[in-house]
Amino acid sequence: APTYFGLEEGLPALLDLLRRHSVKATFFVSGEVIEYLNKHNLLPSLDADGHEIASHGGRHLDYRNWEEKEIRKEIKEAKEKLEALIGKPLLGFRAPQFLIDGPILHVLKDCGFLYDSSVPERGLSMASTFRNVKVNRNLMQALRESGLKEFSVSSLPLLSLPHGLLWINMISLQLYRRLFPLFREAPVLFYLHPYDVVDDKERLPLDWKRRLFYLRNRNRTLSLFTALIQFWVSNGVSFVTLRECLKHPR
């Protein structure tokens, strides 16, 4: 499965890179990969390196049309399984594929989460463009009622594109460097998937949307992420987890 290329090849490379540059991150872990991470002793490694482990739900599916009791069972079981293994409460959640709605937010609060990181900022995103996630009045009302802190992935200044590795790969590192000083609010959230830095992505069947993103500079994305970290470090960026942002809002 694509997930396991990311875990087997992408995740070790990412962890090594983050460790060498003393970068802390939040890892959203789905229930489908818990056994793999536990079997390969990666959960303790994440914790030992100062990273936060948060929830990415159970199965990597769209929960928006499920019954509320089914959503609760799916999310609660994955949360409790991870907590039992790491010995810490999980505070954060990101919906699979950023597919979020009001009923899911309601369940998150019931399950003891303190923050969500699924609602896209205004502007273009894969969730809003291809998956019909609308940031409308109903969604924002549900978010307020949930009491959850929302950490949206930041949008690139001027372009309104998500602040993610493959989007930066599309616009070029040179343009990103010029846009970076235009970020105005902290924290600035950046995201990527371990699979994003795997070479030879054409080993898997990809639809046109994924081909558009995955096959551009397909064997240079880890180098791009390395250059991004070096750029951030040279500009005095501090790297924190979302758990830390929750405790010490800026």
C-alpha atoms as a PDB file:
ATOM      1  CA  ALA A   1       0.000   0.000   0.000  1.00  0.00           C
ATOM      2  CA  PRO A   2       1.200   3.605  -0.500  1.00  0.00           C
ATOM      3  CA  THR A   3       1.138   4.061   3.265  1.00  0.00           C
ATOM      4  CA  TYR A   4       3.900   1.524   3.775  1.00  0.00           C
ATOM      5  CA  PHE A   5       6.272   3.046   1.237  1.00  0.00           C
ATOM      6  CA  GLY A   6       5.959   6.177   3.342  1.00  0.00           C
ATOM      7  CA  LEU A   7       6.664   4.315   6.561  1.00  0.00           C
ATOM      8  CA  GLU A   8       9.420   2.068   5.281  1.00  0.00           C
ATOM      9  CA  GLU A   9      11.325   4.603   3.207  1.00  0.00           C
ATOM     10  CA  GLY A  10      10.018   8.089   3.909  1.00  0.00           C
ATOM     11  CA  LEU A  11       9.684   8.119   7.690  1.00  0.00           C
ATOM     12  CA  PRO A  12      13.239   6.984   8.564  1.00  0.00           C
ATOM     13  CA  ALA A  13      14.672   9.619   6.211  1.00  0.00           C
ATOM     14  CA  LEU A  14      12.463  12.307   7.741  1.00  0.00           C
ATOM     15  CA  LEU A  15      13.305  11.344  11.306  1.00  0.00           C
ATOM     16  CA  ASP A  16      17.017  11.402  10.550  1.00  0.00           C
ATOM     17  CA  LEU A  17      16.736  14.817   8.921  1.00  0.00           C
ATOM     18  CA  LEU A  18      14.674  16.280  11.769  1.00  0.00           C
ATOM     19  CA  ARG A  19      17.062  14.845  14.332  1.00  0.00           C
ATOM     20  CA  ARG A  20      20.135  16.316  12.636  1.00  0.00           C
ATOM     21  CA  HIS A  21      18.588  19.784  12.671  1.00  0.00           C
ATOM     22  CA  SER A  22      16.922  19.513  16.119  1.00  0.00           C
ATOM     23  CA  VAL A  23      13.484  20.044  14.598  1.00  0.00           C
ATOM     24  CA  LYS A  24      10.386  19.018  16.552  1.00  0.00           C
ATOM     25  CA  ALA A  25       7.144  18.187  14.791  1.00  0.00           C
ATOM     26  CA  THR A  26       3.645  16.854  15.373  1.00  0.00           C
ATOM     27  CA  PHE A  27       2.975  13.459  13.794  1.00  0.00           C
ATOM     28  CA  PHE A  28      -0.646  12.590  13.081  1.00  0.00           C
ATOM     29  CA  VAL A  29      -0.828   8.800  13.283  1.00  0.00           C
ATOM     30  CA  SER A  30      -3.702   6.765  11.866  1.00  0.00           C
ATOM     31  CA  GLY A  31      -4.935   3.550  13.432  1.00  0.00           C
ATOM     32  CA  GLU A  32      -3.895   1.616  10.339  1.00  0.00           C
ATOM     33  CA  VAL A  33      -0.184   2.153  10.989  1.00  0.00           C
ATOM     34  CA  ILE A  34      -0.042   1.822  14.778  1.00  0.00           C
ATOM     35  CA  GLU A  35       1.004  -1.842  14.663  1.00  0.00           C
ATOM     36  CA  TYR A  36       3.776  -1.122  12.157  1.00  0.00           C
ATOM     37  CA  LEU A  37       5.143   1.793  14.182  1.00  0.00           C
ATOM     38  CA  ASN A  38       5.007  -0.222  17.389  1.00  0.00           C
ATOM     39  CA  LYS A  39       6.592  -3.303  15.834  1.00  0.00           C
ATOM     40  CA  HIS A  40       9.525  -1.257  14.520  1.00  0.00           C
ATOM     41  CA  ASN A  41       9.973   0.686  17.771  1.00  0.00           C
ATOM     42  CA  LEU A  42       9.188   3.975  16.045  1.00  0.00           C
ATOM     43  CA  LEU A  43       6.701   5.292  18.599  1.00  0.00           C
ATOM     44  CA  PRO A  44       9.358   5.488  21.344  1.00  0.00           C
ATOM     45  CA  SER A  45      11.748   7.084  18.826  1.00  0.00           C
ATOM     46  CA  LEU A  46       9.236   9.803  18.015  1.00  0.00           C
ATOM     47  CA  ASP A  47       8.704  10.509  21.687  1.00  0.00           C
ATOM     48  CA  ALA A  48      12.412  10.431  22.546  1.00  0.00           C
ATOM     49  CA  ASP A  49      13.145  12.988  19.830  1.00  0.00           C
ATOM     50  CA  GLY A  50      10.619  15.403  21.338  1.00  0.00           C
ATOM     51  CA  HIS A  51       7.961  14.998  18.673  1.00  0.00           C
ATOM     52  CA  GLU A  52       4.265  15.074  19.497  1.00  0.00           C
ATOM     53  CA  ILE A  53       2.079  12.112  18.574  1.00  0.00           C
ATOM     54  CA  ALA A  54      -1.476  13.065  17.654  1.00  0.00           C
ATOM     55  CA  SER A  55      -4.380  11.193  16.053  1.00  0.00           C
ATOM     56  CA  HIS A  56      -5.190  10.813  12.376  1.00  0.00           C
ATOM     57  CA  GLY A  57      -8.303   8.761  13.087  1.00  0.00           C
ATOM     58  CA  GLY A  58      -8.718   5.027  12.691  1.00  0.00           C
ATOM     59  CA  ARG A  59      -8.879   3.999   9.056  1.00  0.00           C
ATOM     60  CA  HIS A  60      -7.897   6.565   6.424  1.00  0.00           C
ATOM     61  CA  LEU A  61     -11.472   7.090   5.258  1.00  0.00           C
ATOM     62  CA  ASP A  62     -14.056   9.827   4.849  1.00  0.00           C
ATOM     63  CA  TYR A  63     -16.191   9.827   8.031  1.00  0.00           C
ATOM     64  CA  ARG A  64     -18.518  12.630   6.987  1.00  0.00           C
ATOM     65  CA  ASN A  65     -21.455  10.413   5.992  1.00  0.00           C
ATOM     66  CA  TRP A  66     -21.117   7.981   8.888  1.00  0.00           C
ATOM     67  CA  GLU A  67     -23.488   7.680  11.828  1.00  0.00           C
ATOM     68  CA  GLU A  68     -22.188   9.564  14.852  1.00  0.00           C
ATOM     69  CA  LYS A  69     -21.815   6.397  16.930  1.00  0.00           C
ATOM     70  CA  GLU A  70     -19.656   4.870  14.172  1.00  0.00           C
ATOM     71  CA  ILE A  71     -17.460   7.979  14.016  1.00  0.00           C
ATOM     72  CA  ARG A  72     -17.041   7.917  17.792  1.00  0.00           C
ATOM     73  CA  LYS A  73     -16.073   4.231  17.827  1.00  0.00           C
ATOM     74  CA  GLU A  74     -13.566   4.694  15.005  1.00  0.00           C
ATOM     75  CA  ILE A  75     -11.849   7.713  16.533  1.00  0.00           C
ATOM     76  CA  LYS A  76     -12.016   6.659  20.176  1.00  0.00           C
ATOM     77  CA  GLU A  77     -10.563   3.197  19.610  1.00  0.00           C
ATOM     78  CA  ALA A  78      -7.595   4.550  17.630  1.00  0.00           C
ATOM     79  CA  LYS A  79      -6.973   7.242  20.253  1.00  0.00           C
ATOM     80  CA  GLU A  80      -7.047   4.824  23.168  1.00  0.00           C
ATOM     81  CA  LYS A  81      -4.779   2.327  21.406  1.00  0.00           C
ATOM     82  CA  LEU A  82      -2.132   4.960  20.778  1.00  0.00           C
ATOM     83  CA  GLU A  83      -2.393   6.368  24.294  1.00  0.00           C
ATOM     84  CA  ALA A  84      -1.876   2.900  25.782  1.00  0.00           C
ATOM     85  CA  LEU A  85       1.330   2.493  23.793  1.00  0.00           C
ATOM     86  CA  ILE A  86       2.890   5.922  24.395  1.00  0.00           C
ATOM     87  CA  GLY A  87       1.605   6.457  27.942  1.00  0.00           C
ATOM     88  CA  LYS A  88       0.406   9.987  27.218  1.00  0.00           C
ATOM     89  CA  PRO A  89      -2.944  11.538  26.363  1.00  0.00           C
ATOM     90  CA  LEU A  90      -3.405  12.537  22.734  1.00  0.00           C
ATOM     91  CA  LEU A  91      -4.489  16.161  22.505  1.00  0.00           C
ATOM     92  CA  GLY A  92      -4.771  16.713  18.763  1.00  0.00           C
ATOM     93  CA  PHE A  93      -6.579  15.341  15.736  1.00  0.00           C
ATOM     94  CA  ARG A  94      -6.351  15.743  11.978  1.00  0.00           C
ATOM     95  CA  ALA A  95      -9.076  14.182   9.858  1.00  0.00           C
ATOM     96  CA  PRO A  96      -7.989  11.765   7.127  1.00  0.00           C
ATOM     97  CA  GLN A  97      -7.526  13.791   3.921  1.00  0.00           C
ATOM     98  CA  PHE A  98      -8.652  16.887   5.915  1.00  0.00           C
ATOM     99  CA  LEU A  99     -12.261  15.678   5.462  1.00  0.00           C
ATOM    100  CA  ILE A 100     -13.956  17.373   8.409  1.00  0.00           C
ATOM    101  CA  ASP A 101     -17.482  18.472   9.292  1.00  0.00           C
ATOM    102  CA  GLY A 102     -19.596  19.450  12.295  1.00  0.00           C
ATOM    103  CA  PRO A 103     -20.506  15.955  13.573  1.00  0.00           C
ATOM    104  CA  ILE A 104     -16.847  14.908  13.537  1.00  0.00           C
ATOM    105  CA  LEU A 105     -15.845  18.008  15.510  1.00  0.00           C
ATOM    106  CA  HIS A 106     -18.553  17.210  18.071  1.00  0.00           C
ATOM    107  CA  VAL A 107     -17.169  13.681  18.485  1.00  0.00           C
ATOM    108  CA  LEU A 108     -13.622  14.986  18.944  1.00  0.00           C
ATOM    109  CA  LYS A 109     -14.633  17.038  21.961  1.00  0.00           C
ATOM    110  CA  ASP A 110     -16.455  14.052  23.465  1.00  0.00           C
ATOM    111  CA  CYS A 111     -13.330  11.924  22.980  1.00  0.00           C
ATOM    112  CA  GLY A 112     -11.161  14.332  24.959  1.00  0.00           C
ATOM    113  CA  PHE A 113      -9.245  16.099  22.214  1.00  0.00           C
ATOM    114  CA  LEU A 114      -8.233  19.701  22.850  1.00  0.00           C
ATOM    115  CA  TYR A 115      -7.388  20.781  19.317  1.00  0.00           C
ATOM    116  CA  ASP A 116      -8.086  20.001  15.687  1.00  0.00           C
ATOM    117  CA  SER A 117      -5.914  20.643  12.612  1.00  0.00           C
ATOM    118  CA  SER A 118      -8.280  19.802   9.758  1.00  0.00           C
ATOM    119  CA  VAL A 119     -10.153  22.968   8.799  1.00  0.00           C
ATOM    120  CA  PRO A 120      -8.384  24.573   5.820  1.00  0.00           C
ATOM    121  CA  GLU A 121      -7.533  28.247   5.814  1.00  0.00           C
ATOM    122  CA  ARG A 122      -9.261  30.367   3.229  1.00  0.00           C
ATOM    123  CA  GLY A 123      -7.840  29.741  -0.203  1.00  0.00           C
ATOM    124  CA  LEU A 124      -7.083  26.699  -2.293  1.00  0.00           C
ATOM    125  CA  SER A 125      -6.556  23.296  -0.697  1.00  0.00           C
ATOM    126  CA  MET A 126      -6.902  19.726  -1.876  1.00  0.00           C
ATOM    127  CA  ALA A 127      -9.752  19.208   0.593  1.00  0.00           C
ATOM    128  CA  SER A 128     -11.711  22.237  -0.552  1.00  0.00           C
ATOM    129  CA  THR A 129     -10.931  21.891  -4.253  1.00  0.00           C
ATOM    130  CA  PHE A 130     -11.298  18.166  -4.870  1.00  0.00           C
ATOM    131  CA  ARG A 131     -13.131  16.826  -1.804  1.00  0.00           C
ATOM    132  CA  ASN A 132     -15.895  19.346  -1.170  1.00  0.00           C
ATOM    133  CA  VAL A 133     -14.781  20.542   2.265  1.00  0.00           C
ATOM    134  CA  LYS A 134     -16.381  23.956   2.544  1.00  0.00           C
ATOM    135  CA  VAL A 135     -15.244  26.408   5.195  1.00  0.00           C
ATOM    136  CA  ASN A 136     -18.683  27.934   5.642  1.00  0.00           C
ATOM    137  CA  ARG A 137     -20.748  29.372   8.464  1.00  0.00           C
ATOM    138  CA  ASN A 138     -22.029  25.946   9.545  1.00  0.00           C
ATOM    139  CA  LEU A 139     -18.539  24.492   9.876  1.00  0.00           C
ATOM    140  CA  MET A 140     -17.233  27.502  11.793  1.00  0.00           C
ATOM    141  CA  GLN A 141     -20.256  27.428  14.096  1.00  0.00           C
ATOM    142  CA  ALA A 142     -19.634  23.750  14.813  1.00  0.00           C
ATOM    143  CA  LEU A 143     -15.993  24.547  15.553  1.00  0.00           C
ATOM    144  CA  ARG A 144     -16.968  27.268  18.038  1.00  0.00           C
ATOM    145  CA  GLU A 145     -19.479  24.969  19.730  1.00  0.00           C
ATOM    146  CA  SER A 146     -16.897  22.204  20.048  1.00  0.00           C
ATOM    147  CA  GLY A 147     -14.571  24.437  22.076  1.00  0.00           C
ATOM    148  CA  LEU A 148     -11.597  22.952  20.225  1.00  0.00           C
ATOM    149  CA  LYS A 149      -8.601  25.073  19.337  1.00  0.00           C
ATOM    150  CA  GLU A 150      -8.154  25.013  15.564  1.00  0.00           C
ATOM    151  CA  PHE A 151      -4.680  24.903  14.022  1.00  0.00           C
ATOM    152  CA  SER A 152      -5.200  25.270  10.288  1.00  0.00           C
ATOM    153  CA  VAL A 153      -2.378  24.556   7.870  1.00  0.00           C
ATOM    154  CA  SER A 154      -1.101  27.971   6.830  1.00  0.00           C
ATOM    155  CA  SER A 155      -1.609  29.379   3.346  1.00  0.00           C
ATOM    156  CA  LEU A 156       1.282  30.683   1.292  1.00  0.00           C
ATOM    157  CA  PRO A 157       1.185  34.493   1.184  1.00  0.00           C
ATOM    158  CA  LEU A 158      -0.322  36.035  -1.950  1.00  0.00           C
ATOM    159  CA  LEU A 159      -0.896  32.658  -3.623  1.00  0.00           C
ATOM    160  CA  SER A 160      -3.406  31.218  -1.109  1.00  0.00           C
ATOM    161  CA  LEU A 161      -1.910  27.758  -1.591  1.00  0.00           C
ATOM    162  CA  PRO A 162      -1.392  25.396   1.369  1.00  0.00           C
ATOM    163  CA  HIS A 163       1.958  25.619   3.129  1.00  0.00           C
ATOM    164  CA  GLY A 164       2.954  22.063   2.253  1.00  0.00           C
ATOM    165  CA  LEU A 165       6.005  20.397   0.736  1.00  0.00           C
ATOM    166  CA  LEU A 166       4.435  19.380  -2.564  1.00  0.00           C
ATOM    167  CA  TRP A 167       2.877  22.794  -3.075  1.00  0.00           C
ATOM    168  CA  ILE A 168       6.263  24.438  -2.538  1.00  0.00           C
ATOM    169  CA  ASN A 169       7.681  21.872  -4.932  1.00  0.00           C
ATOM    170  CA  MET A 170       5.181  23.134  -7.510  1.00  0.00           C
ATOM    171  CA  ILE A 171       6.030  26.840  -7.179  1.00  0.00           C
ATOM    172  CA  SER A 172       9.820  26.426  -6.649  1.00  0.00           C
ATOM    173  CA  LEU A 173      12.023  27.062  -3.638  1.00  0.00           C
ATOM    174  CA  GLN A 174      13.187  30.346  -5.131  1.00  0.00           C
ATOM    175  CA  LEU A 175       9.673  31.801  -5.161  1.00  0.00           C
ATOM    176  CA  TYR A 176       8.985  30.429  -1.671  1.00  0.00           C
ATOM    177  CA  ARG A 177      12.013  32.250  -0.288  1.00  0.00           C
ATOM    178  CA  ARG A 178      10.591  35.516  -1.591  1.00  0.00           C
ATOM    179  CA  LEU A 179       7.140  34.833  -0.140  1.00  0.00           C
ATOM    180  CA  PHE A 180       8.346  33.695   3.274  1.00  0.00           C
ATOM    181  CA  PRO A 181       8.877  37.179   4.799  1.00  0.00           C
ATOM    182  CA  LEU A 182       5.207  37.919   4.066  1.00  0.00           C
ATOM    183  CA  PHE A 183       3.948  35.475   6.709  1.00  0.00           C
ATOM    184  CA  ARG A 184       2.461  37.707   9.408  1.00  0.00           C
ATOM    185  CA  GLU A 185       1.014  35.499  12.126  1.00  0.00           C
ATOM    186  CA  ALA A 186       2.532  32.779  14.288  1.00  0.00           C
ATOM    187  CA  PRO A 187       2.465  29.873  14.426  1.00  0.00           C
ATOM    188  CA  VAL A 188       3.028  29.144  10.750  1.00  0.00           C
ATOM    189  CA  LEU A 189       1.941  25.563  10.077  1.00  0.00           C
ATOM    190  CA  PHE A 190       3.696  23.433   7.473  1.00  0.00           C
ATOM    191  CA  TYR A 191       2.713  19.909   6.493  1.00  0.00           C
ATOM    192  CA  LEU A 192       3.942  16.900   4.582  1.00  0.00           C
ATOM    193  CA  HIS A 193       3.402  13.155   4.454  1.00  0.00           C
ATOM    194  CA  PRO A 194       6.291  10.693   4.759  1.00  0.00           C
ATOM    195  CA  TYR A 195       5.304   9.391   1.331  1.00  0.00           C
ATOM    196  CA  ASP A 196       6.038  12.837  -0.138  1.00  0.00           C
ATOM    197  CA  VAL A 197       9.797  12.276   0.143  1.00  0.00           C
ATOM    198  CA  VAL A 198       9.861   8.721  -1.259  1.00  0.00           C
ATOM    199  CA  ASP A 199      11.706   8.278  -4.563  1.00  0.00           C
ATOM    200  CA  ASP A 200      10.246   6.482  -7.580  1.00  0.00           C
ATOM    201  CA  LYS A 201       6.634   7.259  -6.751  1.00  0.00           C
ATOM    202  CA  GLU A 202       5.592   5.934 -10.151  1.00  0.00           C
ATOM    203  CA  ARG A 203       5.894   2.443  -8.644  1.00  0.00           C
ATOM    204  CA  LEU A 204       2.280   2.989  -7.596  1.00  0.00           C
ATOM    205  CA  PRO A 205      -0.777   3.602  -9.760  1.00  0.00           C
ATOM    206  CA  LEU A 206      -1.624   7.291  -9.417  1.00  0.00           C
ATOM    207  CA  ASP A 207      -4.657   9.201 -10.622  1.00  0.00           C
ATOM    208  CA  TRP A 208      -4.113  12.485 -12.481  1.00  0.00           C
ATOM    209  CA  LYS A 209      -4.382  14.608  -9.329  1.00  0.00           C
ATOM    210  CA  ARG A 210      -1.663  12.661  -7.556  1.00  0.00           C
ATOM    211  CA  ARG A 211       0.500  12.486 -10.672  1.00  0.00           C
ATOM    212  CA  LEU A 212       0.351  16.275 -10.871  1.00  0.00           C
ATOM    213  CA  PHE A 213       1.899  16.610  -7.407  1.00  0.00           C
ATOM    214  CA  TYR A 214       3.918  13.451  -6.895  1.00  0.00           C
ATOM    215  CA  LEU A 215       5.733  13.178 -10.201  1.00  0.00           C
ATOM    216  CA  ARG A 216       7.158  16.706 -10.363  1.00  0.00           C
ATOM    217  CA  ASN A 217      10.797  16.569  -9.213  1.00  0.00           C
ATOM    218  CA  ARG A 218       9.813  13.152  -7.931  1.00  0.00           C
ATOM    219  CA  ASN A 219      13.267  12.120  -6.756  1.00  0.00           C
ATOM    220  CA  ARG A 220      14.265  15.483  -5.305  1.00  0.00           C
ATOM    221  CA  THR A 221      11.622  16.192  -2.675  1.00  0.00           C
ATOM    222  CA  LEU A 222      13.774  15.075   0.261  1.00  0.00           C
ATOM    223  CA  SER A 223      16.496  17.429  -0.956  1.00  0.00           C
ATOM    224  CA  LEU A 224      13.870  20.172  -1.172  1.00  0.00           C
ATOM    225  CA  PHE A 225      12.760  19.557   2.401  1.00  0.00           C
ATOM    226  CA  THR A 226      16.399  19.595   3.531  1.00  0.00           C
ATOM    227  CA  ALA A 227      16.875  22.949   1.807  1.00  0.00           C
ATOM    228  CA  LEU A 228      13.689  24.275   3.411  1.00  0.00           C
ATOM    229  CA  ILE A 229      14.864  23.354   6.895  1.00  0.00           C
ATOM    230  CA  GLN A 230      18.240  24.970   6.258  1.00  0.00           C
ATOM    231  CA  PHE A 231      16.468  28.100   4.997  1.00  0.00           C
ATOM    232  CA  TRP A 232      14.209  28.243   8.052  1.00  0.00           C
ATOM    233  CA  VAL A 233      17.118  27.728  10.445  1.00  0.00           C
ATOM    234  CA  SER A 234      19.108  30.495   8.751  1.00  0.00           C
ATOM    235  CA  ASN A 235      16.106  32.802   9.249  1.00  0.00           C
ATOM    236  CA  GLY A 236      15.845  32.074  12.973  1.00  0.00           C
ATOM    237  CA  VAL A 237      12.692  29.965  12.858  1.00  0.00           C
ATOM    238  CA  SER A 238      11.764  28.131  16.085  1.00  0.00           C
ATOM    239  CA  PHE A 239      10.253  24.666  15.649  1.00  0.00           C
ATOM    240  CA  VAL A 240       7.509  23.654  18.062  1.00  0.00           C
ATOM    241  CA  THR A 241       4.807  21.024  18.272  1.00  0.00           C
ATOM    242  CA  LEU A 242       1.126  21.884  18.257  1.00  0.00           C
ATOM    243  CA  ARG A 243       0.927  20.665  21.839  1.00  0.00           C
ATOM    244  CA  GLU A 244       3.420  23.395  22.758  1.00  0.00           C
ATOM    245  CA  CYS A 245       1.415  25.980  20.791  1.00  0.00           C
ATOM    246  CA  LEU A 246      -1.650  24.964  22.752  1.00  0.00           C
ATOM    247  CA  LYS A 247       0.118  25.494  26.065  1.00  0.00           C
ATOM    248  CA  HIS A 248       1.911  28.672  25.061  1.00  0.00           C
ATOM    249  CA  PRO A 249      -0.193  30.549  22.492  1.00  0.00           C
ATOM    250  CA  ARG A 250       1.637  33.322  20.683  1.00  0.00           C
END
